[in-house]
Structure formats: structure tokens, C-alpha cells
Amino acid sequence: MEIHKLKEYIKAAENISDMLYANDVSGAQKFIGETVNNVNNIYLGYINRADELRNRGIDIPVDILLSQMKNLMTAIDSKDIIMLADTMLYEIKEGMQFFIDVENELGGAQA
């Protein structure tokens, strides 16, 4: 995964959470679907590579990543705006930061 793409997803998570905190749900809805799809694909990509990365000395906390994805889906399913904003800002952003660290450890190469 390219680092600049991960940074774009961090910015998207921040923007969505800002809109939700400002009660601009309709504005956030324009971006939530695509962002959640991208986040899901990225998380699954790293989870699926956990064994390969572990062999390279990089530990992928699969349980934590799955928990973050579950929290994201729970917030969406329950239409809990604050939970969604918090999950995007704290958990998903943190996950993307972790993936940037992984990519930096891999030498910035594409995954």
C-alpha cells in the first residue's frame, strides 16, 4: 500500500468525523460508503498478510484490527453518529497510522 494513499484515508477519516461532530450527517454520508469500503479493503489486506509480515519481523495485531473494523460496522449499523465519529477519528486513524509505520518498516514499498 502506498503511504500517500494511507495518508489520504487518514484525512478522510478526520473529515468524516469532523462533519459528524458538527452534525453534518448528510455531508458525511457522501464520503462514508467509499471510505469504509477502502478501510475494509486495507485492513483485510494487512490481516491476510499477517503471517508473511510476521516472518519479516512485523507483528500485525489481527485481533485489534478486527475489533476496530467491528466497531466501525457496529456504529454504522446502529446509526450511532458519535460512535462512528469516534471510531473514525481514534480507531481507524490509528490503524492507518500503524499501516504507515508498517510500510516505512518495509521501506515504503507497495504492499
C-alpha atoms as a PDB file:
ATOM      1  CA  MET A   1       0.000   0.000   0.000  1.00  0.00           C
ATOM      2  CA  GLU A   2       1.324   3.388  -0.903  1.00  0.00           C
ATOM      3  CA  ILE A   3       1.947   5.655   2.083  1.00  0.00           C
ATOM      4  CA  HIS A   4       0.338   8.666   0.416  1.00  0.00           C
ATOM      5  CA  LYS A   5      -2.880   6.647  -0.020  1.00  0.00           C
ATOM      6  CA  LEU A   6      -2.880   5.765   3.678  1.00  0.00           C
ATOM      7  CA  LYS A   7      -2.441   9.450   4.489  1.00  0.00           C
ATOM      8  CA  GLU A   8      -5.422  10.254   2.247  1.00  0.00           C
ATOM      9  CA  TYR A   9      -7.545   7.785   4.215  1.00  0.00           C
ATOM     10  CA  ILE A  10      -6.429   9.369   7.485  1.00  0.00           C
ATOM     11  CA  LYS A  11      -7.562  12.744   6.159  1.00  0.00           C
ATOM     12  CA  ALA A  12     -10.872  11.226   5.024  1.00  0.00           C
ATOM     13  CA  ALA A  13     -11.448   9.725   8.479  1.00  0.00           C
ATOM     14  CA  GLU A  14     -10.693  13.089  10.091  1.00  0.00           C
ATOM     15  CA  ASN A  15     -13.001  14.924   7.685  1.00  0.00           C
ATOM     16  CA  ILE A  16     -15.868  12.497   8.221  1.00  0.00           C
ATOM     17  CA  SER A  17     -15.538  12.668  11.991  1.00  0.00           C
ATOM     18  CA  ASP A  18     -15.382  16.489  11.863  1.00  0.00           C
ATOM     19  CA  MET A  19     -18.604  16.566   9.832  1.00  0.00           C
ATOM     20  CA  LEU A  20     -20.315  14.142  12.190  1.00  0.00           C
ATOM     21  CA  TYR A  21     -19.243  16.095  15.281  1.00  0.00           C
ATOM     22  CA  ALA A  22     -20.671  19.217  13.596  1.00  0.00           C
ATOM     23  CA  ASN A  23     -23.912  17.276  12.998  1.00  0.00           C
ATOM     24  CA  ASP A  24     -23.437  17.440   9.209  1.00  0.00           C
ATOM     25  CA  VAL A  25     -24.638  13.880   8.722  1.00  0.00           C
ATOM     26  CA  SER A  26     -25.735  14.393   5.120  1.00  0.00           C
ATOM     27  CA  GLY A  27     -22.315  15.809   4.245  1.00  0.00           C
ATOM     28  CA  ALA A  28     -20.549  12.892   5.904  1.00  0.00           C
ATOM     29  CA  GLN A  29     -22.797  10.346   4.192  1.00  0.00           C
ATOM     30  CA  LYS A  30     -21.362  11.381   0.840  1.00  0.00           C
ATOM     31  CA  PHE A  31     -17.970  10.011   1.929  1.00  0.00           C
ATOM     32  CA  ILE A  32     -18.736   7.250   4.425  1.00  0.00           C
ATOM     33  CA  GLY A  33     -19.511   4.450   1.956  1.00  0.00           C
ATOM     34  CA  GLU A  34     -16.387   4.792  -0.148  1.00  0.00           C
ATOM     35  CA  THR A  35     -14.170   5.423   2.868  1.00  0.00           C
ATOM     36  CA  VAL A  36     -15.498   2.409   4.774  1.00  0.00           C
ATOM     37  CA  ASN A  37     -15.013   0.228   1.694  1.00  0.00           C
ATOM     38  CA  ASN A  38     -11.410   1.423   1.316  1.00  0.00           C
ATOM     39  CA  VAL A  39     -10.708   0.985   5.030  1.00  0.00           C
ATOM     40  CA  ASN A  40     -12.163  -2.514   4.949  1.00  0.00           C
ATOM     41  CA  ASN A  41     -10.005  -3.490   1.966  1.00  0.00           C
ATOM     42  CA  ILE A  42      -6.848  -2.096   3.554  1.00  0.00           C
ATOM     43  CA  TYR A  43      -7.456  -3.784   6.904  1.00  0.00           C
ATOM     44  CA  LEU A  44      -8.206  -7.125   5.252  1.00  0.00           C
ATOM     45  CA  GLY A  45      -5.105  -6.799   3.095  1.00  0.00           C
ATOM     46  CA  TYR A  46      -2.852  -6.477   6.133  1.00  0.00           C
ATOM     47  CA  ILE A  47      -4.737  -9.121   8.103  1.00  0.00           C
ATOM     48  CA  ASN A  48      -4.384 -11.563   5.216  1.00  0.00           C
ATOM     49  CA  ARG A  49      -0.649 -10.847   5.079  1.00  0.00           C
ATOM     50  CA  ALA A  50      -0.121 -11.200   8.837  1.00  0.00           C
ATOM     51  CA  ASP A  51       1.858 -14.455   8.570  1.00  0.00           C
ATOM     52  CA  GLU A  52       4.054 -13.145   5.764  1.00  0.00           C
ATOM     53  CA  LEU A  53       4.749  -9.927   7.665  1.00  0.00           C
ATOM     54  CA  ARG A  54       5.397 -11.807  10.914  1.00  0.00           C
ATOM     55  CA  ASN A  55       8.087 -13.771   9.044  1.00  0.00           C
ATOM     56  CA  ARG A  56       9.626 -10.405   8.171  1.00  0.00           C
ATOM     57  CA  GLY A  57       9.616  -9.352  11.823  1.00  0.00           C
ATOM     58  CA  ILE A  58       6.473  -7.196  11.739  1.00  0.00           C
ATOM     59  CA  ASP A  59       3.682  -8.153  14.122  1.00  0.00           C
ATOM     60  CA  ILE A  60       0.195  -7.371  12.854  1.00  0.00           C
ATOM     61  CA  PRO A  61      -2.286  -7.200  15.778  1.00  0.00           C
ATOM     62  CA  VAL A  62      -5.076  -9.046  13.959  1.00  0.00           C
ATOM     63  CA  ASP A  63      -7.439  -9.092  16.975  1.00  0.00           C
ATOM     64  CA  ILE A  64      -7.174  -5.323  17.427  1.00  0.00           C
ATOM     65  CA  LEU A  65      -7.694  -4.643  13.731  1.00  0.00           C
ATOM     66  CA  LEU A  66     -10.735  -6.923  13.625  1.00  0.00           C
ATOM     67  CA  SER A  67     -12.106  -5.184  16.717  1.00  0.00           C
ATOM     68  CA  GLN A  68     -11.679  -1.778  15.049  1.00  0.00           C
ATOM     69  CA  MET A  69     -13.486  -2.999  11.937  1.00  0.00           C
ATOM     70  CA  LYS A  70     -16.275  -4.454  14.077  1.00  0.00           C
ATOM     71  CA  ASN A  71     -16.669  -1.167  15.959  1.00  0.00           C
ATOM     72  CA  LEU A  72     -16.888   0.706  12.662  1.00  0.00           C
ATOM     73  CA  MET A  73     -19.597  -1.604  11.343  1.00  0.00           C
ATOM     74  CA  THR A  74     -21.494  -1.528  14.653  1.00  0.00           C
ATOM     75  CA  ALA A  75     -21.528   2.280  14.589  1.00  0.00           C
ATOM     76  CA  ILE A  76     -22.849   2.280  11.031  1.00  0.00           C
ATOM     77  CA  ASP A  77     -25.438  -0.450  11.629  1.00  0.00           C
ATOM     78  CA  SER A  78     -26.743   1.232  14.777  1.00  0.00           C
ATOM     79  CA  LYS A  79     -26.639   4.690  13.133  1.00  0.00           C
ATOM     80  CA  ASP A  80     -24.693   5.944  16.148  1.00  0.00           C
ATOM     81  CA  ILE A  81     -23.206   9.198  14.847  1.00  0.00           C
ATOM     82  CA  ILE A  82     -20.948   9.847  17.844  1.00  0.00           C
ATOM     83  CA  MET A  83     -19.647   6.270  17.920  1.00  0.00           C
ATOM     84  CA  LEU A  84     -18.948   6.489  14.180  1.00  0.00           C
ATOM     85  CA  ALA A  85     -17.145   9.820  14.569  1.00  0.00           C
ATOM     86  CA  ASP A  86     -15.093   8.478  17.500  1.00  0.00           C
ATOM     87  CA  THR A  87     -14.275   5.229  15.696  1.00  0.00           C
ATOM     88  CA  MET A  88     -13.158   7.063  12.565  1.00  0.00           C
ATOM     89  CA  LEU A  89     -11.102   9.626  14.466  1.00  0.00           C
ATOM     90  CA  TYR A  90      -9.472   7.357  17.010  1.00  0.00           C
ATOM     91  CA  GLU A  91      -9.513   3.743  15.858  1.00  0.00           C
ATOM     92  CA  ILE A  92      -9.423   3.947  12.067  1.00  0.00           C
ATOM     93  CA  LYS A  93      -6.992   6.851  12.041  1.00  0.00           C
ATOM     94  CA  GLU A  94      -4.774   4.911  14.476  1.00  0.00           C
ATOM     95  CA  GLY A  95      -4.989   1.841  12.242  1.00  0.00           C
ATOM     96  CA  MET A  96      -3.921   3.827   9.196  1.00  0.00           C
ATOM     97  CA  GLN A  97      -1.034   5.354  11.160  1.00  0.00           C
ATOM     98  CA  PHE A  98       0.027   1.820  12.119  1.00  0.00           C
ATOM     99  CA  PHE A  99      -0.057   0.768   8.453  1.00  0.00           C
ATOM    100  CA  ILE A 100       2.125   3.756   7.564  1.00  0.00           C
ATOM    101  CA  ASP A 101       4.613   2.548  10.185  1.00  0.00           C
ATOM    102  CA  VAL A 102       4.484  -0.936   8.651  1.00  0.00           C
ATOM    103  CA  GLU A 103       5.130   0.466   5.188  1.00  0.00           C
ATOM    104  CA  ASN A 104       8.010   2.561   6.489  1.00  0.00           C
ATOM    105  CA  GLU A 105       9.477  -0.574   8.064  1.00  0.00           C
ATOM    106  CA  LEU A 106       9.102  -2.340   4.730  1.00  0.00           C
ATOM    107  CA  GLY A 107      10.993   0.517   3.095  1.00  0.00           C
ATOM    108  CA  GLY A 108       7.962   2.335   1.760  1.00  0.00           C
ATOM    109  CA  ALA A 109       7.319  -0.389  -0.795  1.00  0.00           C
ATOM    110  CA  GLN A 110       3.860  -1.159  -2.089  1.00  0.00           C
ATOM    111  CA  ALA A 111       2.022  -3.987  -0.387  1.00  0.00           C
END
